[in-house]
Amino acid sequence: MARRDPRRAARRLRGIGAAVLLAGAIGAGAAYWIGTHRSDPSLEELLPGSTAARARQMGLLYGPAVESMWELYQDMKEPAGQAVAIAALSAIAAAGCFRAAWLREHV
């Protein structure tokens, strides 16, 4: 039975990692562009200060940990937060592919 060439598998994994990284960058840019070019106004634009008031209320009712989670949730609803999350997750997936490729060659 012939063994598979580890260099070929590593090369394929690096290609997949590069494709994931490129797709993540394109996806993050598209999410940001689409999110910033919407025509409907956000709640913060309609009622300035409402997000801060809601976060303060959550902090008073449930404590500072929930207030921090609420602020993180609000940040993730923004286009920039979504773009950062997409880019970070694709970078982690690509790093996994690159690490697996390195292990294939060196172990």
C-alpha atoms as a PDB file:
ATOM      1  CA  MET A   1       0.000   0.000   0.000  1.00  0.00           C
ATOM      2  CA  ALA A   2       1.507   3.341  -1.031  1.00  0.00           C
ATOM      3  CA  ARG A   3       1.758   6.185   1.461  1.00  0.00           C
ATOM      4  CA  ARG A   4       0.396   9.556   0.552  1.00  0.00           C
ATOM      5  CA  ASP A   5       2.851  12.359   0.007  1.00  0.00           C
ATOM      6  CA  PRO A   6       2.724  14.667   3.058  1.00  0.00           C
ATOM      7  CA  ARG A   7       3.979  17.610   0.997  1.00  0.00           C
ATOM      8  CA  ARG A   8       0.993  17.321  -1.341  1.00  0.00           C
ATOM      9  CA  ALA A   9      -1.467  17.265   1.571  1.00  0.00           C
ATOM     10  CA  ALA A  10       0.329  20.225   3.189  1.00  0.00           C
ATOM     11  CA  ARG A  11       0.197  22.184  -0.055  1.00  0.00           C
ATOM     12  CA  ARG A  12      -3.541  21.471  -0.341  1.00  0.00           C
ATOM     13  CA  LEU A  13      -4.135  22.561   3.264  1.00  0.00           C
ATOM     14  CA  ARG A  14      -2.211  25.804   2.667  1.00  0.00           C
ATOM     15  CA  GLY A  15      -4.351  26.462  -0.396  1.00  0.00           C
ATOM     16  CA  ILE A  16      -7.515  25.868   1.593  1.00  0.00           C
ATOM     17  CA  GLY A  17      -6.222  28.176   4.335  1.00  0.00           C
ATOM     18  CA  ALA A  18      -5.457  30.919   1.839  1.00  0.00           C
ATOM     19  CA  ALA A  19      -8.898  30.509   0.248  1.00  0.00           C
ATOM     20  CA  VAL A  20     -10.600  30.708   3.657  1.00  0.00           C
ATOM     21  CA  LEU A  21      -8.606  33.815   4.537  1.00  0.00           C
ATOM     22  CA  LEU A  22      -9.448  35.477   1.221  1.00  0.00           C
ATOM     23  CA  ALA A  23     -13.132  34.539   1.473  1.00  0.00           C
ATOM     24  CA  GLY A  24     -13.231  35.902   5.020  1.00  0.00           C
ATOM     25  CA  ALA A  25     -11.703  39.202   3.960  1.00  0.00           C
ATOM     26  CA  ILE A  26     -14.139  39.531   1.058  1.00  0.00           C
ATOM     27  CA  GLY A  27     -17.057  38.523   3.281  1.00  0.00           C
ATOM     28  CA  ALA A  28     -16.072  40.997   5.988  1.00  0.00           C
ATOM     29  CA  GLY A  29     -15.762  43.796   3.437  1.00  0.00           C
ATOM     30  CA  ALA A  30     -19.105  42.915   1.891  1.00  0.00           C
ATOM     31  CA  ALA A  31     -20.837  42.743   5.292  1.00  0.00           C
ATOM     32  CA  TYR A  32     -19.425  46.136   6.242  1.00  0.00           C
ATOM     33  CA  TRP A  33     -20.315  47.732   2.908  1.00  0.00           C
ATOM     34  CA  ILE A  34     -23.861  46.361   2.883  1.00  0.00           C
ATOM     35  CA  GLY A  35     -24.356  47.308   6.541  1.00  0.00           C
ATOM     36  CA  THR A  36     -23.206  50.882   6.049  1.00  0.00           C
ATOM     37  CA  HIS A  37     -25.177  51.465   2.848  1.00  0.00           C
ATOM     38  CA  ARG A  38     -28.627  50.541   4.143  1.00  0.00           C
ATOM     39  CA  SER A  39     -31.369  53.095   3.775  1.00  0.00           C
ATOM     40  CA  ASP A  40     -33.326  52.316   6.963  1.00  0.00           C
ATOM     41  CA  PRO A  41     -32.178  54.226  10.072  1.00  0.00           C
ATOM     42  CA  SER A  42     -31.023  52.411  13.179  1.00  0.00           C
ATOM     43  CA  LEU A  43     -32.598  52.762  16.619  1.00  0.00           C
ATOM     44  CA  GLU A  44     -29.652  54.873  17.781  1.00  0.00           C
ATOM     45  CA  GLU A  45     -30.193  57.281  14.884  1.00  0.00           C
ATOM     46  CA  LEU A  46     -33.908  57.577  15.667  1.00  0.00           C
ATOM     47  CA  LEU A  47     -33.505  57.867  19.444  1.00  0.00           C
ATOM     48  CA  PRO A  48     -30.018  59.179  20.330  1.00  0.00           C
ATOM     49  CA  GLY A  49     -28.800  57.825  23.650  1.00  0.00           C
ATOM     50  CA  SER A  50     -31.259  54.927  23.780  1.00  0.00           C
ATOM     51  CA  THR A  51     -28.546  52.288  23.594  1.00  0.00           C
ATOM     52  CA  ALA A  52     -26.585  53.849  26.445  1.00  0.00           C
ATOM     53  CA  ALA A  53     -29.737  54.168  28.563  1.00  0.00           C
ATOM     54  CA  ARG A  54     -30.657  50.537  27.915  1.00  0.00           C
ATOM     55  CA  ALA A  55     -27.118  49.390  28.809  1.00  0.00           C
ATOM     56  CA  ARG A  56     -27.239  51.406  32.040  1.00  0.00           C
ATOM     57  CA  GLN A  57     -30.615  49.906  32.927  1.00  0.00           C
ATOM     58  CA  MET A  58     -29.289  46.396  32.272  1.00  0.00           C
ATOM     59  CA  GLY A  59     -26.284  47.188  34.482  1.00  0.00           C
ATOM     60  CA  LEU A  60     -28.489  48.386  37.318  1.00  0.00           C
ATOM     61  CA  LEU A  61     -30.801  45.385  37.107  1.00  0.00           C
ATOM     62  CA  TYR A  62     -28.363  42.565  36.444  1.00  0.00           C
ATOM     63  CA  GLY A  63     -24.885  43.848  37.307  1.00  0.00           C
ATOM     64  CA  PRO A  64     -21.781  44.946  35.417  1.00  0.00           C
ATOM     65  CA  ALA A  65     -21.138  41.569  33.748  1.00  0.00           C
ATOM     66  CA  VAL A  66     -24.497  41.636  31.978  1.00  0.00           C
ATOM     67  CA  GLU A  67     -23.929  45.282  31.080  1.00  0.00           C
ATOM     68  CA  SER A  68     -20.651  44.327  29.397  1.00  0.00           C
ATOM     69  CA  MET A  69     -22.328  41.467  27.535  1.00  0.00           C
ATOM     70  CA  TRP A  70     -25.124  43.820  26.447  1.00  0.00           C
ATOM     71  CA  GLU A  71     -22.562  46.294  25.076  1.00  0.00           C
ATOM     72  CA  LEU A  72     -20.808  43.455  23.225  1.00  0.00           C
ATOM     73  CA  TYR A  73     -24.170  42.367  21.799  1.00  0.00           C
ATOM     74  CA  GLN A  74     -24.869  45.903  20.623  1.00  0.00           C
ATOM     75  CA  ASP A  75     -21.411  46.127  19.053  1.00  0.00           C
ATOM     76  CA  MET A  76     -22.035  42.877  17.184  1.00  0.00           C
ATOM     77  CA  LYS A  77     -25.197  44.352  15.680  1.00  0.00           C
ATOM     78  CA  GLU A  78     -23.126  47.107  14.045  1.00  0.00           C
ATOM     79  CA  PRO A  79     -21.560  46.519  10.600  1.00  0.00           C
ATOM     80  CA  ALA A  80     -18.027  47.034  11.916  1.00  0.00           C
ATOM     81  CA  GLY A  81     -18.539  44.457  14.675  1.00  0.00           C
ATOM     82  CA  GLN A  82     -19.902  41.929  12.202  1.00  0.00           C
ATOM     83  CA  ALA A  83     -16.998  42.524   9.835  1.00  0.00           C
ATOM     84  CA  VAL A  84     -14.462  42.073  12.634  1.00  0.00           C
ATOM     85  CA  ALA A  85     -16.154  38.837  13.732  1.00  0.00           C
ATOM     86  CA  ILE A  86     -16.141  37.447  10.177  1.00  0.00           C
ATOM     87  CA  ALA A  87     -12.488  38.392   9.678  1.00  0.00           C
ATOM     88  CA  ALA A  88     -11.452  36.952  13.058  1.00  0.00           C
ATOM     89  CA  LEU A  89     -13.253  33.646  12.524  1.00  0.00           C
ATOM     90  CA  SER A  90     -11.800  33.221   9.048  1.00  0.00           C
ATOM     91  CA  ALA A  91      -8.320  34.027  10.384  1.00  0.00           C
ATOM     92  CA  ILE A  92      -8.728  31.364  13.086  1.00  0.00           C
ATOM     93  CA  ALA A  93      -9.904  28.793  10.522  1.00  0.00           C
ATOM     94  CA  ALA A  94      -7.028  29.672   8.178  1.00  0.00           C
ATOM     95  CA  ALA A  95      -4.543  29.431  11.055  1.00  0.00           C
ATOM     96  CA  GLY A  96      -5.889  25.946  11.769  1.00  0.00           C
ATOM     97  CA  CYS A  97      -5.305  24.957   8.144  1.00  0.00           C
ATOM     98  CA  PHE A  98      -1.784  26.400   8.146  1.00  0.00           C
ATOM     99  CA  ARG A  99      -0.991  24.637  11.422  1.00  0.00           C
ATOM    100  CA  ALA A 100      -2.284  21.321  10.070  1.00  0.00           C
ATOM    101  CA  ALA A 101      -0.143  21.813   6.959  1.00  0.00           C
ATOM    102  CA  TRP A 102       2.917  22.477   9.105  1.00  0.00           C
ATOM    103  CA  LEU A 103       2.221  19.365  11.170  1.00  0.00           C
ATOM    104  CA  ARG A 104       1.861  17.239   8.024  1.00  0.00           C
ATOM    105  CA  GLU A 105       5.300  18.267   6.851  1.00  0.00           C
ATOM    106  CA  HIS A 106       7.196  18.213  10.126  1.00  0.00           C
ATOM    107  CA  VAL A 107       5.734  15.278  12.035  1.00  0.00           C
END
